[in-house]
Amino acid sequence: MSQKMLYSAQELHAVQKHETVLIVDCRFVLSDTEKGYRDYLHAHIPGAVYAHLDDDLSSPVTSVSGRHPLPDADRFAAFLARSGWQPGTTIIAYDDAGGSIAARLWWLMNYFGHGQAALLDGGLQAWLSGGYELEGGQVKVNGAEPIMTEDKSCLVVSTRDILEGVADQSICLADVRAAERFKGEVEPLDYVAGHIPGSVNFPFQLSLETDGRFKPIAAIRKSLLELTGSQQSGELVFMCGSGVTACHAVFSAELAGLKGSKLYAGSWSEWIRDRSRPVEPAVD
């Protein structure tokens, strides 16, 4: 993961029409799952294709999964082919939420062994602040043949891994949801509130400035080192509600030079599928 990870709006504008760059709009709203696509059709960065979190960057929910299971290799390969991606092309993903959705696409590119992906720093807001134009409608692309790859299972941990790792303190499990959700004070999405015992709270926004751009690398690194303590970054596991915004934290760690952190893909919404798994605050 040594290639460029962040593009400023100015840098993206300079390369946006380059044939080896594919811009992907990842805007998505959990409470209205088609709003992101409607907004994309209304106006997007010129040349951008759209990635739907539920349809393109996830698999269907099952009785034992979280809300956004990882897509299988065939599903993700089909999405890349429809988008016109080919090896040698760098995906630059953006959203309007600090990269919290776009980072899922960045992570999946690495998970499936491609690694040719980056984020637009500050997302759509940074593009607009730079005075750059938008266009509407569906972008026509030349489809490509699916590139079949195998996933890198070493980048994810299972629920069993979490149970064992937290119990013997071999991992540092960082939950990137907002503090009030972590504490169980509110829960807008899942039917059980709280967090996994032994986990720590690290809201993903801690890596961002107020305008949605990433903080200086030194500041991000300092925050993460305070989180991990004496543990190695390879023992750092990120989770969230459904394994989406946790990808943002993995991105931040990589950006800060802390290599090897992992994703609990099922996250909170998978953990609570089994009522025997402990939660804090405890529920009856």
C-alpha atoms as a PDB file:
ATOM      1  CA  MET A   1       0.000   0.000   0.000  1.00  0.00           C
ATOM      2  CA  SER A   2       2.804   2.365  -0.821  1.00  0.00           C
ATOM      3  CA  GLN A   3       1.070   4.183  -3.650  1.00  0.00           C
ATOM      4  CA  LYS A   4      -0.543   7.614  -3.287  1.00  0.00           C
ATOM      5  CA  MET A   5      -3.554   7.367  -0.985  1.00  0.00           C
ATOM      6  CA  LEU A   6      -4.979  10.891  -0.987  1.00  0.00           C
ATOM      7  CA  TYR A   7      -5.665  13.335  -3.791  1.00  0.00           C
ATOM      8  CA  SER A   8      -6.502  16.972  -3.188  1.00  0.00           C
ATOM      9  CA  ALA A   9      -9.268  18.518  -5.300  1.00  0.00           C
ATOM     10  CA  GLN A  10      -6.602  20.362  -7.270  1.00  0.00           C
ATOM     11  CA  GLU A  11      -4.690  17.147  -7.933  1.00  0.00           C
ATOM     12  CA  LEU A  12      -7.837  15.323  -8.995  1.00  0.00           C
ATOM     13  CA  HIS A  13      -8.800  18.153 -11.339  1.00  0.00           C
ATOM     14  CA  ALA A  14      -5.375  17.862 -12.952  1.00  0.00           C
ATOM     15  CA  VAL A  15      -5.736  14.138 -13.658  1.00  0.00           C
ATOM     16  CA  GLN A  16      -9.512  13.670 -13.939  1.00  0.00           C
ATOM     17  CA  LYS A  17      -9.498  13.099 -17.702  1.00  0.00           C
ATOM     18  CA  HIS A  18      -6.454  10.852 -17.633  1.00  0.00           C
ATOM     19  CA  GLU A  19      -7.221   7.431 -19.061  1.00  0.00           C
ATOM     20  CA  THR A  20      -5.609   5.632 -16.131  1.00  0.00           C
ATOM     21  CA  VAL A  21      -7.879   7.258 -13.530  1.00  0.00           C
ATOM     22  CA  LEU A  22     -11.411   6.142 -12.662  1.00  0.00           C
ATOM     23  CA  ILE A  23     -13.406   8.459 -10.401  1.00  0.00           C
ATOM     24  CA  VAL A  24     -16.095   6.773  -8.305  1.00  0.00           C
ATOM     25  CA  ASP A  25     -18.900   8.553  -6.447  1.00  0.00           C
ATOM     26  CA  CYS A  26     -19.773   6.605  -3.278  1.00  0.00           C
ATOM     27  CA  ARG A  27     -22.385   8.865  -1.704  1.00  0.00           C
ATOM     28  CA  PHE A  28     -24.883   6.913   0.373  1.00  0.00           C
ATOM     29  CA  VAL A  29     -27.470   7.605   3.075  1.00  0.00           C
ATOM     30  CA  LEU A  30     -28.477   4.748   5.385  1.00  0.00           C
ATOM     31  CA  SER A  31     -31.948   6.180   5.999  1.00  0.00           C
ATOM     32  CA  ASP A  32     -32.666   6.546   2.262  1.00  0.00           C
ATOM     33  CA  THR A  33     -30.588   4.042   0.345  1.00  0.00           C
ATOM     34  CA  GLU A  34     -31.319   5.511  -3.104  1.00  0.00           C
ATOM     35  CA  LYS A  35     -30.621   9.153  -2.218  1.00  0.00           C
ATOM     36  CA  GLY A  36     -26.928   8.862  -3.025  1.00  0.00           C
ATOM     37  CA  TYR A  37     -27.701   7.653  -6.530  1.00  0.00           C
ATOM     38  CA  ARG A  38     -30.313  10.368  -7.046  1.00  0.00           C
ATOM     39  CA  ASP A  39     -27.793  12.973  -5.925  1.00  0.00           C
ATOM     40  CA  TYR A  40     -25.228  11.444  -8.278  1.00  0.00           C
ATOM     41  CA  LEU A  41     -27.597  11.717 -11.243  1.00  0.00           C
ATOM     42  CA  HIS A  42     -28.335  15.322 -10.318  1.00  0.00           C
ATOM     43  CA  ALA A  43     -24.674  16.384 -10.101  1.00  0.00           C
ATOM     44  CA  HIS A  44     -21.313  14.679  -9.719  1.00  0.00           C
ATOM     45  CA  ILE A  45     -17.644  15.179 -10.506  1.00  0.00           C
ATOM     46  CA  PRO A  46     -17.289  14.952 -14.301  1.00  0.00           C
ATOM     47  CA  GLY A  47     -16.580  11.438 -15.491  1.00  0.00           C
ATOM     48  CA  ALA A  48     -17.439   9.771 -12.189  1.00  0.00           C
ATOM     49  CA  VAL A  49     -19.284   6.451 -12.091  1.00  0.00           C
ATOM     50  CA  TYR A  50     -21.442   5.473  -9.125  1.00  0.00           C
ATOM     51  CA  ALA A  51     -20.917   2.744  -6.508  1.00  0.00           C
ATOM     52  CA  HIS A  52     -23.950   1.746  -4.432  1.00  0.00           C
ATOM     53  CA  LEU A  53     -23.009   0.578  -0.947  1.00  0.00           C
ATOM     54  CA  ASP A  54     -25.708  -2.093  -0.737  1.00  0.00           C
ATOM     55  CA  ASP A  55     -25.627  -3.322  -4.325  1.00  0.00           C
ATOM     56  CA  ASP A  56     -21.981  -2.956  -5.360  1.00  0.00           C
ATOM     57  CA  LEU A  57     -19.868  -2.838  -2.204  1.00  0.00           C
ATOM     58  CA  SER A  58     -21.768  -5.396  -0.106  1.00  0.00           C
ATOM     59  CA  SER A  59     -23.485  -8.759  -0.397  1.00  0.00           C
ATOM     60  CA  PRO A  60     -27.083  -9.472   0.643  1.00  0.00           C
ATOM     61  CA  VAL A  61     -27.725  -9.615   4.375  1.00  0.00           C
ATOM     62  CA  THR A  62     -28.187 -13.066   5.917  1.00  0.00           C
ATOM     63  CA  SER A  63     -29.631 -14.277   9.220  1.00  0.00           C
ATOM     64  CA  VAL A  64     -26.150 -14.393  10.779  1.00  0.00           C
ATOM     65  CA  SER A  65     -24.393 -11.481   9.071  1.00  0.00           C
ATOM     66  CA  GLY A  66     -24.097  -7.813   9.840  1.00  0.00           C
ATOM     67  CA  ARG A  67     -25.892  -5.123   7.833  1.00  0.00           C
ATOM     68  CA  HIS A  68     -23.228  -4.902   5.111  1.00  0.00           C
ATOM     69  CA  PRO A  69     -21.535  -8.262   4.455  1.00  0.00           C
ATOM     70  CA  LEU A  70     -18.462  -8.098   2.269  1.00  0.00           C
ATOM     71  CA  PRO A  71     -19.129  -8.768  -1.416  1.00  0.00           C
ATOM     72  CA  ASP A  72     -17.722 -11.981  -2.784  1.00  0.00           C
ATOM     73  CA  ALA A  73     -15.044 -11.908  -5.477  1.00  0.00           C
ATOM     74  CA  ASP A  74     -17.483 -12.438  -8.353  1.00  0.00           C
ATOM     75  CA  ARG A  75     -19.779  -9.640  -7.223  1.00  0.00           C
ATOM     76  CA  PHE A  76     -16.970  -7.134  -6.800  1.00  0.00           C
ATOM     77  CA  ALA A  77     -15.319  -8.139 -10.075  1.00  0.00           C
ATOM     78  CA  ALA A  78     -18.626  -7.586 -11.879  1.00  0.00           C
ATOM     79  CA  PHE A  79     -18.919  -4.104 -10.368  1.00  0.00           C
ATOM     80  CA  LEU A  80     -15.397  -3.186 -11.472  1.00  0.00           C
ATOM     81  CA  ALA A  81     -16.107  -4.496 -14.977  1.00  0.00           C
ATOM     82  CA  ARG A  82     -19.344  -2.462 -15.268  1.00  0.00           C
ATOM     83  CA  SER A  83     -17.426   0.597 -14.123  1.00  0.00           C
ATOM     84  CA  GLY A  84     -14.791   0.142 -16.816  1.00  0.00           C
ATOM     85  CA  TRP A  85     -11.940  -0.539 -14.414  1.00  0.00           C
ATOM     86  CA  GLN A  86      -8.896  -2.341 -15.756  1.00  0.00           C
ATOM     87  CA  PRO A  87      -5.529  -3.214 -14.189  1.00  0.00           C
ATOM     88  CA  GLY A  88      -3.298  -0.168 -14.277  1.00  0.00           C
ATOM     89  CA  THR A  89      -6.226   2.171 -13.598  1.00  0.00           C
ATOM     90  CA  THR A  90      -6.307   3.993 -10.260  1.00  0.00           C
ATOM     91  CA  ILE A  91      -9.693   4.415  -8.604  1.00  0.00           C
ATOM     92  CA  ILE A  92     -10.168   7.739  -6.819  1.00  0.00           C
ATOM     93  CA  ALA A  93     -13.245   7.459  -4.623  1.00  0.00           C
ATOM     94  CA  TYR A  94     -15.213  10.236  -2.940  1.00  0.00           C
ATOM     95  CA  ASP A  95     -18.390  10.888  -0.992  1.00  0.00           C
ATOM     96  CA  ASP A  96     -19.841  13.786   0.988  1.00  0.00           C
ATOM     97  CA  ALA A  97     -19.217  12.264   4.430  1.00  0.00           C
ATOM     98  CA  GLY A  98     -15.503  12.672   5.078  1.00  0.00           C
ATOM     99  CA  GLY A  99     -14.643   9.549   3.107  1.00  0.00           C
ATOM    100  CA  SER A 100     -16.557   7.288   5.489  1.00  0.00           C
ATOM    101  CA  ILE A 101     -18.301   5.462   2.632  1.00  0.00           C
ATOM    102  CA  ALA A 102     -15.635   5.908  -0.055  1.00  0.00           C
ATOM    103  CA  ALA A 103     -13.064   4.219   2.189  1.00  0.00           C
ATOM    104  CA  ARG A 104     -15.064   0.982   1.841  1.00  0.00           C
ATOM    105  CA  LEU A 105     -14.203   0.928  -1.887  1.00  0.00           C
ATOM    106  CA  TRP A 106     -10.546   1.732  -1.126  1.00  0.00           C
ATOM    107  CA  TRP A 107     -10.456  -1.148   1.371  1.00  0.00           C
ATOM    108  CA  LEU A 108     -12.143  -3.597  -1.001  1.00  0.00           C
ATOM    109  CA  MET A 109      -9.609  -2.834  -3.718  1.00  0.00           C
ATOM    110  CA  ASN A 110      -6.880  -3.887  -1.315  1.00  0.00           C
ATOM    111  CA  TYR A 111      -8.868  -6.839   0.026  1.00  0.00           C
ATOM    112  CA  PHE A 112      -9.243  -8.253  -3.474  1.00  0.00           C
ATOM    113  CA  GLY A 113      -5.589  -7.714  -4.280  1.00  0.00           C
ATOM    114  CA  HIS A 114      -5.800  -4.727  -6.623  1.00  0.00           C
ATOM    115  CA  GLY A 115      -4.516  -1.953  -4.369  1.00  0.00           C
ATOM    116  CA  GLN A 116      -4.927   0.733  -7.029  1.00  0.00           C
ATOM    117  CA  ALA A 117      -7.185   3.095  -5.105  1.00  0.00           C
ATOM    118  CA  ALA A 118      -7.149   6.437  -3.316  1.00  0.00           C
ATOM    119  CA  LEU A 119      -9.563   8.924  -1.746  1.00  0.00           C
ATOM    120  CA  LEU A 120     -10.412  12.496  -2.642  1.00  0.00           C
ATOM    121  CA  ASP A 121      -9.390  14.470   0.433  1.00  0.00           C
ATOM    122  CA  GLY A 122     -12.418  16.383   1.675  1.00  0.00           C
ATOM    123  CA  GLY A 123     -14.740  14.701  -0.790  1.00  0.00           C
ATOM    124  CA  LEU A 124     -17.315  16.520  -2.855  1.00  0.00           C
ATOM    125  CA  GLN A 125     -17.222  19.552  -0.555  1.00  0.00           C
ATOM    126  CA  ALA A 126     -13.510  20.082  -1.275  1.00  0.00           C
ATOM    127  CA  TRP A 127     -14.182  19.805  -5.004  1.00  0.00           C
ATOM    128  CA  LEU A 128     -16.898  22.452  -4.788  1.00  0.00           C
ATOM    129  CA  SER A 129     -14.770  24.673  -2.557  1.00  0.00           C
ATOM    130  CA  GLY A 130     -12.097  24.569  -5.252  1.00  0.00           C
ATOM    131  CA  GLY A 131     -14.574  26.061  -7.709  1.00  0.00           C
ATOM    132  CA  TYR A 132     -14.598  23.029  -9.991  1.00  0.00           C
ATOM    133  CA  GLU A 133     -17.586  22.096 -12.129  1.00  0.00           C
ATOM    134  CA  LEU A 134     -20.061  19.257 -11.806  1.00  0.00           C
ATOM    135  CA  GLU A 135     -22.095  17.372 -14.381  1.00  0.00           C
ATOM    136  CA  GLY A 136     -25.351  15.464 -14.200  1.00  0.00           C
ATOM    137  CA  GLY A 137     -26.701  12.245 -15.638  1.00  0.00           C
ATOM    138  CA  GLN A 138     -25.340   8.743 -15.982  1.00  0.00           C
ATOM    139  CA  VAL A 139     -21.781   8.489 -17.278  1.00  0.00           C
ATOM    140  CA  LYS A 140     -21.347   6.097 -20.187  1.00  0.00           C
ATOM    141  CA  VAL A 141     -18.397   3.763 -19.770  1.00  0.00           C
ATOM    142  CA  ASN A 142     -16.888   1.020 -21.842  1.00  0.00           C
ATOM    143  CA  GLY A 143     -17.376  -2.139 -19.862  1.00  0.00           C
ATOM    144  CA  ALA A 144     -14.404  -4.403 -19.293  1.00  0.00           C
ATOM    145  CA  GLU A 145     -13.930  -8.102 -18.724  1.00  0.00           C
ATOM    146  CA  PRO A 146     -14.171  -9.084 -15.039  1.00  0.00           C
ATOM    147  CA  ILE A 147     -10.782  -9.602 -13.406  1.00  0.00           C
ATOM    148  CA  MET A 148     -11.122 -12.546 -11.058  1.00  0.00           C
ATOM    149  CA  THR A 149      -9.095 -12.447  -7.863  1.00  0.00           C
ATOM    150  CA  GLU A 150      -9.133 -14.089  -4.471  1.00  0.00           C
ATOM    151  CA  ASP A 151      -9.716 -12.165  -1.284  1.00  0.00           C
ATOM    152  CA  LYS A 152      -6.997 -11.507   1.289  1.00  0.00           C
ATOM    153  CA  SER A 153      -8.576 -13.184   4.292  1.00  0.00           C
ATOM    154  CA  CYS A 154      -5.671 -12.021   6.455  1.00  0.00           C
ATOM    155  CA  LEU A 155      -7.144  -8.497   6.411  1.00  0.00           C
ATOM    156  CA  VAL A 156     -10.311  -9.467   8.268  1.00  0.00           C
ATOM    157  CA  VAL A 157     -11.119 -11.069  11.597  1.00  0.00           C
ATOM    158  CA  SER A 158     -14.135 -13.191  12.464  1.00  0.00           C
ATOM    159  CA  THR A 159     -16.473 -12.988  15.416  1.00  0.00           C
ATOM    160  CA  ARG A 160     -14.666 -15.979  16.927  1.00  0.00           C
ATOM    161  CA  ASP A 161     -11.368 -14.096  16.550  1.00  0.00           C
ATOM    162  CA  ILE A 162     -12.910 -11.158  18.395  1.00  0.00           C
ATOM    163  CA  LEU A 163     -14.172 -13.330  21.232  1.00  0.00           C
ATOM    164  CA  GLU A 164     -10.751 -14.918  21.709  1.00  0.00           C
ATOM    165  CA  GLY A 165      -8.656 -11.800  21.049  1.00  0.00           C
ATOM    166  CA  VAL A 166     -10.516  -9.563  23.467  1.00  0.00           C
ATOM    167  CA  ALA A 167     -10.555 -12.274  26.129  1.00  0.00           C
ATOM    168  CA  ASP A 168      -6.779 -12.805  26.070  1.00  0.00           C
ATOM    169  CA  GLN A 169      -6.014  -9.142  25.232  1.00  0.00           C
ATOM    170  CA  SER A 170      -4.083 -10.136  22.121  1.00  0.00           C
ATOM    171  CA  ILE A 171      -5.856  -7.479  20.052  1.00  0.00           C
ATOM    172  CA  CYS A 172      -6.847  -3.861  20.507  1.00  0.00           C
ATOM    173  CA  LEU A 173     -10.445  -3.637  19.293  1.00  0.00           C
ATOM    174  CA  ALA A 174     -11.334  -0.064  18.347  1.00  0.00           C
ATOM    175  CA  ASP A 175     -14.982   0.826  17.707  1.00  0.00           C
ATOM    176  CA  VAL A 176     -15.204   3.870  15.411  1.00  0.00           C
ATOM    177  CA  ARG A 177     -18.866   4.696  16.022  1.00  0.00           C
ATOM    178  CA  ALA A 178     -19.826   7.973  17.702  1.00  0.00           C
ATOM    179  CA  ALA A 179     -19.300   8.091  21.458  1.00  0.00           C
ATOM    180  CA  GLU A 180     -23.010   8.135  22.283  1.00  0.00           C
ATOM    181  CA  ARG A 181     -23.577   4.947  20.292  1.00  0.00           C
ATOM    182  CA  PHE A 182     -20.553   3.271  21.845  1.00  0.00           C
ATOM    183  CA  LYS A 183     -21.854   4.132  25.313  1.00  0.00           C
ATOM    184  CA  GLY A 184     -25.298   2.770  24.445  1.00  0.00           C
ATOM    185  CA  GLU A 185     -26.999   6.134  24.976  1.00  0.00           C
ATOM    186  CA  VAL A 186     -28.571   6.058  21.505  1.00  0.00           C
ATOM    187  CA  GLU A 187     -28.857   3.459  18.768  1.00  0.00           C
ATOM    188  CA  PRO A 188     -30.475   4.647  15.534  1.00  0.00           C
ATOM    189  CA  LEU A 189     -29.724   1.572  13.410  1.00  0.00           C
ATOM    190  CA  ASP A 190     -29.426  -1.650  15.393  1.00  0.00           C
ATOM    191  CA  TYR A 191     -31.823  -3.346  17.824  1.00  0.00           C
ATOM    192  CA  VAL A 192     -29.273  -3.563  20.656  1.00  0.00           C
ATOM    193  CA  ALA A 193     -27.315  -0.577  21.957  1.00  0.00           C
ATOM    194  CA  GLY A 194     -23.850  -0.600  23.489  1.00  0.00           C
ATOM    195  CA  HIS A 195     -20.461  -2.062  22.621  1.00  0.00           C
ATOM    196  CA  ILE A 196     -18.332  -5.191  22.835  1.00  0.00           C
ATOM    197  CA  PRO A 197     -16.761  -5.545  26.305  1.00  0.00           C
ATOM    198  CA  GLY A 198     -13.054  -4.800  26.166  1.00  0.00           C
ATOM    199  CA  SER A 199     -13.279  -2.579  23.088  1.00  0.00           C
ATOM    200  CA  VAL A 200     -12.244   1.081  23.072  1.00  0.00           C
ATOM    201  CA  ASN A 201     -13.920   3.991  21.332  1.00  0.00           C
ATOM    202  CA  PHE A 202     -12.137   5.812  18.503  1.00  0.00           C
ATOM    203  CA  PRO A 203     -14.703   7.788  16.443  1.00  0.00           C
ATOM    204  CA  PHE A 204     -13.475   7.890  12.853  1.00  0.00           C
ATOM    205  CA  GLN A 205     -13.968  11.680  12.800  1.00  0.00           C
ATOM    206  CA  LEU A 206     -10.906  12.000  15.057  1.00  0.00           C
ATOM    207  CA  SER A 207      -8.790  11.664  11.908  1.00  0.00           C
ATOM    208  CA  LEU A 208     -10.595  14.528  10.161  1.00  0.00           C
ATOM    209  CA  GLU A 209     -10.585  18.297  10.257  1.00  0.00           C
ATOM    210  CA  THR A 210     -13.929  20.057  10.604  1.00  0.00           C
ATOM    211  CA  ASP A 211     -14.119  20.508   6.825  1.00  0.00           C
ATOM    212  CA  GLY A 212     -13.836  16.756   6.221  1.00  0.00           C
ATOM    213  CA  ARG A 213     -10.209  16.758   5.099  1.00  0.00           C
ATOM    214  CA  PHE A 214      -7.743  14.469   6.824  1.00  0.00           C
ATOM    215  CA  LYS A 215      -5.677  15.894   9.649  1.00  0.00           C
ATOM    216  CA  PRO A 216      -1.877  16.050   9.269  1.00  0.00           C
ATOM    217  CA  ILE A 217      -0.356  12.583   9.280  1.00  0.00           C
ATOM    218  CA  ALA A 218       1.573  13.284  12.483  1.00  0.00           C
ATOM    219  CA  ALA A 219      -1.654  14.119  14.342  1.00  0.00           C
ATOM    220  CA  ILE A 220      -3.399  10.969  13.130  1.00  0.00           C
ATOM    221  CA  ARG A 221      -0.409   8.835  14.033  1.00  0.00           C
ATOM    222  CA  LYS A 222      -0.231  10.336  17.521  1.00  0.00           C
ATOM    223  CA  SER A 223      -3.904   9.586  18.178  1.00  0.00           C
ATOM    224  CA  LEU A 224      -3.574   6.010  16.979  1.00  0.00           C
ATOM    225  CA  LEU A 225      -0.408   5.339  18.966  1.00  0.00           C
ATOM    226  CA  GLU A 226      -2.169   6.577  22.090  1.00  0.00           C
ATOM    227  CA  LEU A 227      -4.934   4.108  21.266  1.00  0.00           C
ATOM    228  CA  THR A 228      -2.755   1.050  20.679  1.00  0.00           C
ATOM    229  CA  GLY A 229      -0.364   1.622  23.574  1.00  0.00           C
ATOM    230  CA  SER A 230       2.282  -1.082  23.615  1.00  0.00           C
ATOM    231  CA  GLN A 231       0.518  -3.249  21.041  1.00  0.00           C
ATOM    232  CA  GLN A 232       1.678  -3.516  17.442  1.00  0.00           C
ATOM    233  CA  SER A 233      -0.461  -2.051  14.664  1.00  0.00           C
ATOM    234  CA  GLY A 234      -0.963  -5.581  13.343  1.00  0.00           C
ATOM    235  CA  GLU A 235      -2.920  -6.328  16.517  1.00  0.00           C
ATOM    236  CA  LEU A 236      -5.225  -3.354  15.944  1.00  0.00           C
ATOM    237  CA  VAL A 237      -8.727  -4.260  14.768  1.00  0.00           C
ATOM    238  CA  PHE A 238     -11.337  -1.715  13.749  1.00  0.00           C
ATOM    239  CA  MET A 239     -15.096  -2.173  13.892  1.00  0.00           C
ATOM    240  CA  CYS A 240     -18.203  -0.014  13.571  1.00  0.00           C
ATOM    241  CA  GLY A 241     -21.895  -0.712  13.072  1.00  0.00           C
ATOM    242  CA  SER A 242     -21.605  -2.808   9.912  1.00  0.00           C
ATOM    243  CA  GLY A 243     -17.988  -2.803   8.739  1.00  0.00           C
ATOM    244  CA  VAL A 244     -18.172   0.297   6.522  1.00  0.00           C
ATOM    245  CA  THR A 245     -16.861   3.307   8.441  1.00  0.00           C
ATOM    246  CA  ALA A 246     -14.304   1.030  10.101  1.00  0.00           C
ATOM    247  CA  CYS A 247     -12.598   0.928   6.680  1.00  0.00           C
ATOM    248  CA  HIS A 248     -12.021   4.664   7.126  1.00  0.00           C
ATOM    249  CA  ALA A 249     -10.035   3.968  10.292  1.00  0.00           C
ATOM    250  CA  VAL A 250      -7.973   1.307   8.504  1.00  0.00           C
ATOM    251  CA  PHE A 251      -7.271   3.915   5.821  1.00  0.00           C
ATOM    252  CA  SER A 252      -6.228   6.461   8.464  1.00  0.00           C
ATOM    253  CA  ALA A 253      -3.872   3.965  10.085  1.00  0.00           C
ATOM    254  CA  GLU A 254      -2.254   3.117   6.740  1.00  0.00           C
ATOM    255  CA  LEU A 255      -1.989   6.804   5.903  1.00  0.00           C
ATOM    256  CA  ALA A 256      -0.225   7.371   9.228  1.00  0.00           C
ATOM    257  CA  GLY A 257       2.253   4.586   8.540  1.00  0.00           C
ATOM    258  CA  LEU A 258       0.743   2.097  10.989  1.00  0.00           C
ATOM    259  CA  LYS A 259       0.562  -0.891   8.689  1.00  0.00           C
ATOM    260  CA  GLY A 260      -1.404  -4.083   9.089  1.00  0.00           C
ATOM    261  CA  SER A 261      -4.528  -3.120  11.039  1.00  0.00           C
ATOM    262  CA  LYS A 262      -7.508  -5.379  10.380  1.00  0.00           C
ATOM    263  CA  LEU A 263     -11.253  -5.100   9.914  1.00  0.00           C
ATOM    264  CA  TYR A 264     -13.995  -6.827  11.885  1.00  0.00           C
ATOM    265  CA  ALA A 265     -16.234  -6.912   8.837  1.00  0.00           C
ATOM    266  CA  GLY A 266     -19.377  -8.063  10.626  1.00  0.00           C
ATOM    267  CA  SER A 267     -18.982  -5.450  13.370  1.00  0.00           C
ATOM    268  CA  TRP A 268     -21.680  -4.588  15.905  1.00  0.00           C
ATOM    269  CA  SER A 269     -24.653  -5.600  13.735  1.00  0.00           C
ATOM    270  CA  GLU A 270     -23.225  -9.122  13.380  1.00  0.00           C
ATOM    271  CA  TRP A 271     -22.088  -9.400  17.000  1.00  0.00           C
ATOM    272  CA  ILE A 272     -25.615  -8.834  18.319  1.00  0.00           C
ATOM    273  CA  ARG A 273     -27.135 -11.552  16.101  1.00  0.00           C
ATOM    274  CA  ASP A 274     -26.325 -14.009  18.878  1.00  0.00           C
ATOM    275  CA  ARG A 275     -27.867 -12.918  22.169  1.00  0.00           C
ATOM    276  CA  SER A 276     -25.344 -15.009  24.117  1.00  0.00           C
ATOM    277  CA  ARG A 277     -22.493 -12.684  23.136  1.00  0.00           C
ATOM    278  CA  PRO A 278     -21.744 -10.142  25.861  1.00  0.00           C
ATOM    279  CA  VAL A 279     -22.498  -6.452  25.445  1.00  0.00           C
ATOM    280  CA  GLU A 280     -21.921  -3.353  27.522  1.00  0.00           C
ATOM    281  CA  PRO A 281     -23.948  -1.845  29.019  1.00  0.00           C
ATOM    282  CA  ALA A 282     -25.405  -5.267  29.905  1.00  0.00           C
ATOM    283  CA  VAL A 283     -28.930  -5.974  28.679  1.00  0.00           C
ATOM    284  CA  ASP A 284     -31.526  -8.306  30.183  1.00  0.00           C
END
